[in-house]
C-alpha atoms as a PDB file:
ATOM      1  CA  MET A   1      -4.391  17.672  30.245  1.00  0.00           C
ATOM      2  CA  SER A   2      -1.885  15.154  31.618  1.00  0.00           C
ATOM      3  CA  ASP A   3       0.137  12.828  29.382  1.00  0.00           C
ATOM      4  CA  THR A   4      -2.056   9.915  30.450  1.00  0.00           C
ATOM      5  CA  GLN A   5      -5.231  11.839  29.654  1.00  0.00           C
ATOM      6  CA  GLN A   6      -3.809  12.741  26.231  1.00  0.00           C
ATOM      7  CA  ARG A   7      -2.960   9.080  25.552  1.00  0.00           C
ATOM      8  CA  ILE A   8      -6.478   8.041  26.546  1.00  0.00           C
ATOM      9  CA  ASP A   9      -7.965  10.793  24.384  1.00  0.00           C
ATOM     10  CA  GLN A  10      -5.937   9.614  21.372  1.00  0.00           C
ATOM     11  CA  LEU A  11      -7.032   6.007  21.933  1.00  0.00           C
ATOM     12  CA  VAL A  12     -10.697   7.012  22.255  1.00  0.00           C
ATOM     13  CA  LYS A  13     -10.646   9.203  19.144  1.00  0.00           C
ATOM     14  CA  GLY A  14      -8.563   6.745  17.107  1.00  0.00           C
ATOM     15  CA  SER A  15     -10.803   3.677  17.316  1.00  0.00           C
ATOM     16  CA  ASP A  16     -14.355   3.002  16.166  1.00  0.00           C
ATOM     17  CA  VAL A  17     -15.022   0.480  18.931  1.00  0.00           C
ATOM     18  CA  LEU A  18     -12.773   0.715  21.979  1.00  0.00           C
ATOM     19  CA  LEU A  19     -13.075  -1.243  25.207  1.00  0.00           C
ATOM     20  CA  PHE A  20     -11.005  -0.456  28.274  1.00  0.00           C
ATOM     21  CA  MET A  21     -11.041  -3.770  30.113  1.00  0.00           C
ATOM     22  CA  LYS A  22      -9.163  -6.152  32.367  1.00  0.00           C
ATOM     23  CA  GLY A  23      -7.393  -8.576  30.044  1.00  0.00           C
ATOM     24  CA  ASN A  24      -8.141  -8.697  26.314  1.00  0.00           C
ATOM     25  CA  ALA A  25     -10.836  -9.960  23.957  1.00  0.00           C
ATOM     26  CA  SER A  26      -9.333 -13.460  23.848  1.00  0.00           C
ATOM     27  CA  PHE A  27      -8.649 -13.657  27.558  1.00  0.00           C
ATOM     28  CA  PRO A  28     -10.815 -11.372  29.720  1.00  0.00           C
ATOM     29  CA  MET A  29      -9.519 -11.262  33.281  1.00  0.00           C
ATOM     30  CA  CYS A  30     -12.726 -10.396  35.100  1.00  0.00           C
ATOM     31  CA  GLY A  31     -16.368 -11.344  34.721  1.00  0.00           C
ATOM     32  CA  PHE A  32     -17.532  -7.867  33.761  1.00  0.00           C
ATOM     33  CA  SER A  33     -14.912  -7.572  31.008  1.00  0.00           C
ATOM     34  CA  GLY A  34     -15.858 -11.037  29.746  1.00  0.00           C
ATOM     35  CA  ARG A  35     -19.517 -10.061  29.691  1.00  0.00           C
ATOM     36  CA  ALA A  36     -18.716  -6.864  27.772  1.00  0.00           C
ATOM     37  CA  ILE A  37     -16.946  -8.909  25.066  1.00  0.00           C
ATOM     38  CA  GLN A  38     -19.871 -11.367  24.900  1.00  0.00           C
ATOM     39  CA  ILE A  39     -22.346  -8.499  24.496  1.00  0.00           C
ATOM     40  CA  LEU A  40     -20.294  -7.043  21.638  1.00  0.00           C
ATOM     41  CA  LYS A  41     -20.173 -10.479  19.972  1.00  0.00           C
ATOM     42  CA  ALA A  42     -23.954 -10.808  20.410  1.00  0.00           C
ATOM     43  CA  CYS A  43     -24.293  -7.472  18.585  1.00  0.00           C
ATOM     44  CA  GLY A  44     -22.350  -8.935  15.666  1.00  0.00           C
ATOM     45  CA  VAL A  45     -19.083  -7.137  16.379  1.00  0.00           C
ATOM     46  CA  GLU A  46     -16.078  -9.301  15.548  1.00  0.00           C
ATOM     47  CA  PRO A  47     -13.544  -9.341  18.400  1.00  0.00           C
ATOM     48  CA  LYS A  48     -10.805  -8.424  15.886  1.00  0.00           C
ATOM     49  CA  ASN A  49     -12.734  -5.193  15.165  1.00  0.00           C
ATOM     50  CA  VAL A  50     -12.672  -4.161  18.824  1.00  0.00           C
ATOM     51  CA  THR A  51      -9.657  -2.277  20.091  1.00  0.00           C
ATOM     52  CA  THR A  52      -9.056  -3.348  23.665  1.00  0.00           C
ATOM     53  CA  VAL A  53      -6.856  -1.699  26.257  1.00  0.00           C
ATOM     54  CA  ASN A  54      -5.802  -3.939  29.119  1.00  0.00           C
ATOM     55  CA  VAL A  55      -5.872  -1.616  32.124  1.00  0.00           C
ATOM     56  CA  LEU A  56      -3.987  -4.203  34.204  1.00  0.00           C
ATOM     57  CA  GLU A  57      -0.873  -3.481  32.135  1.00  0.00           C
ATOM     58  CA  ASP A  58      -0.853   0.271  32.799  1.00  0.00           C
ATOM     59  CA  ASP A  59      -1.852   1.654  36.168  1.00  0.00           C
ATOM     60  CA  GLY A  60      -1.848   5.212  34.801  1.00  0.00           C
ATOM     61  CA  ILE A  61      -4.520   4.297  32.273  1.00  0.00           C
ATOM     62  CA  ARG A  62      -6.368   2.180  34.834  1.00  0.00           C
ATOM     63  CA  GLN A  63      -6.808   5.238  37.059  1.00  0.00           C
ATOM     64  CA  GLY A  64      -6.835   7.835  34.296  1.00  0.00           C
ATOM     65  CA  ILE A  65      -9.747   6.337  32.364  1.00  0.00           C
ATOM     66  CA  LYS A  66     -11.955   6.706  35.418  1.00  0.00           C
ATOM     67  CA  GLU A  67     -11.170  10.432  35.500  1.00  0.00           C
ATOM     68  CA  TYR A  68     -11.452  10.777  31.718  1.00  0.00           C
ATOM     69  CA  SER A  69     -14.974   9.368  31.608  1.00  0.00           C
ATOM     70  CA  ASN A  70     -16.002  10.368  35.131  1.00  0.00           C
ATOM     71  CA  TRP A  71     -17.080   6.730  35.476  1.00  0.00           C
ATOM     72  CA  PRO A  72     -15.763   4.676  38.426  1.00  0.00           C
ATOM     73  CA  THR A  73     -15.642   1.169  36.976  1.00  0.00           C
ATOM     74  CA  ILE A  74     -14.033  -0.892  34.229  1.00  0.00           C
ATOM     75  CA  PRO A  75     -14.852  -2.059  31.569  1.00  0.00           C
ATOM     76  CA  GLN A  76     -15.713   1.075  29.638  1.00  0.00           C
ATOM     77  CA  LEU A  77     -16.968   1.057  26.058  1.00  0.00           C
ATOM     78  CA  TYR A  78     -16.436   3.878  23.578  1.00  0.00           C
ATOM     79  CA  VAL A  79     -17.968   3.914  20.094  1.00  0.00           C
ATOM     80  CA  LYS A  80     -16.667   6.497  17.616  1.00  0.00           C
ATOM     81  CA  GLY A  81     -15.244   8.591  20.454  1.00  0.00           C
ATOM     82  CA  GLU A  82     -18.430   8.570  22.525  1.00  0.00           C
ATOM     83  CA  PHE A  83     -18.531   7.020  25.994  1.00  0.00           C
ATOM     84  CA  ILE A  84     -21.259   4.386  26.109  1.00  0.00           C
ATOM     85  CA  GLY A  85     -20.850   2.887  29.583  1.00  0.00           C
ATOM     86  CA  GLY A  86     -19.818  -0.196  31.498  1.00  0.00           C
ATOM     87  CA  SER A  87     -21.054  -3.768  31.205  1.00  0.00           C
ATOM     88  CA  ASP A  88     -24.362  -3.102  33.023  1.00  0.00           C
ATOM     89  CA  ILE A  89     -25.216  -0.215  30.688  1.00  0.00           C
ATOM     90  CA  MET A  90     -24.077  -2.282  27.701  1.00  0.00           C
ATOM     91  CA  MET A  91     -26.399  -5.122  28.771  1.00  0.00           C
ATOM     92  CA  GLU A  92     -29.321  -2.774  29.271  1.00  0.00           C
ATOM     93  CA  MET A  93     -28.732  -1.145  25.863  1.00  0.00           C
ATOM     94  CA  TYR A  94     -28.327  -4.567  24.220  1.00  0.00           C
ATOM     95  CA  GLU A  95     -31.607  -5.824  25.682  1.00  0.00           C
ATOM     96  CA  ASN A  96     -33.567  -2.842  24.358  1.00  0.00           C
ATOM     97  CA  GLY A  97     -31.815  -2.795  20.950  1.00  0.00           C
ATOM     98  CA  GLU A  98     -29.981   0.503  21.434  1.00  0.00           C
ATOM     99  CA  LEU A  99     -26.466  -0.931  21.462  1.00  0.00           C
ATOM    100  CA  GLN A 100     -26.946  -2.674  18.126  1.00  0.00           C
ATOM    101  CA  GLN A 101     -28.012   0.669  16.606  1.00  0.00           C
ATOM    102  CA  VAL A 102     -24.963   2.433  18.047  1.00  0.00           C
ATOM    103  CA  LEU A 103     -22.636  -0.276  16.710  1.00  0.00           C
ATOM    104  CA  THR A 104     -24.194  -0.617  13.246  1.00  0.00           C
ATOM    105  CA  PRO A 105     -22.579   1.699  10.699  1.00  0.00           C
ATOM    106  CA  LYS A 106     -25.085   4.115   9.179  1.00  0.00           C
ATOM    107  CA  GLY A 107     -25.627   4.350   5.448  1.00  0.00           C
END
C-alpha cells in the first residue's frame, strides 16, 4: 500500500462521517460537493461533525481516493469506515430513507 493509500485508509478509519470533496463544508467548490453537504445537513448531520478532506489541496489524495474506493468521482462519503458513494448515490439513499439510517447512531 502506498503512503497516500495509507493516509487515506487512516482518514477513513479515523472518522465517523468523512467526505472527500472539493472545498470544505463551509465553502464547497463544486456543485456536487455542495449538494453532498446539503444532503448531510438534511439528514440532521451537523457540518462540524463531518470530517472533510479538500482534494483540491492534495493531488495525491485527489487521485488516490479514486483508486482506494474504485470510484471515479468526487465527492465520496464514508460512514464508520464504509464507502457509501458520491452525491448521486447519497441523494438516492436520502430519498428512500437509507442514508438517514446509516447516519443515525444505533442504540
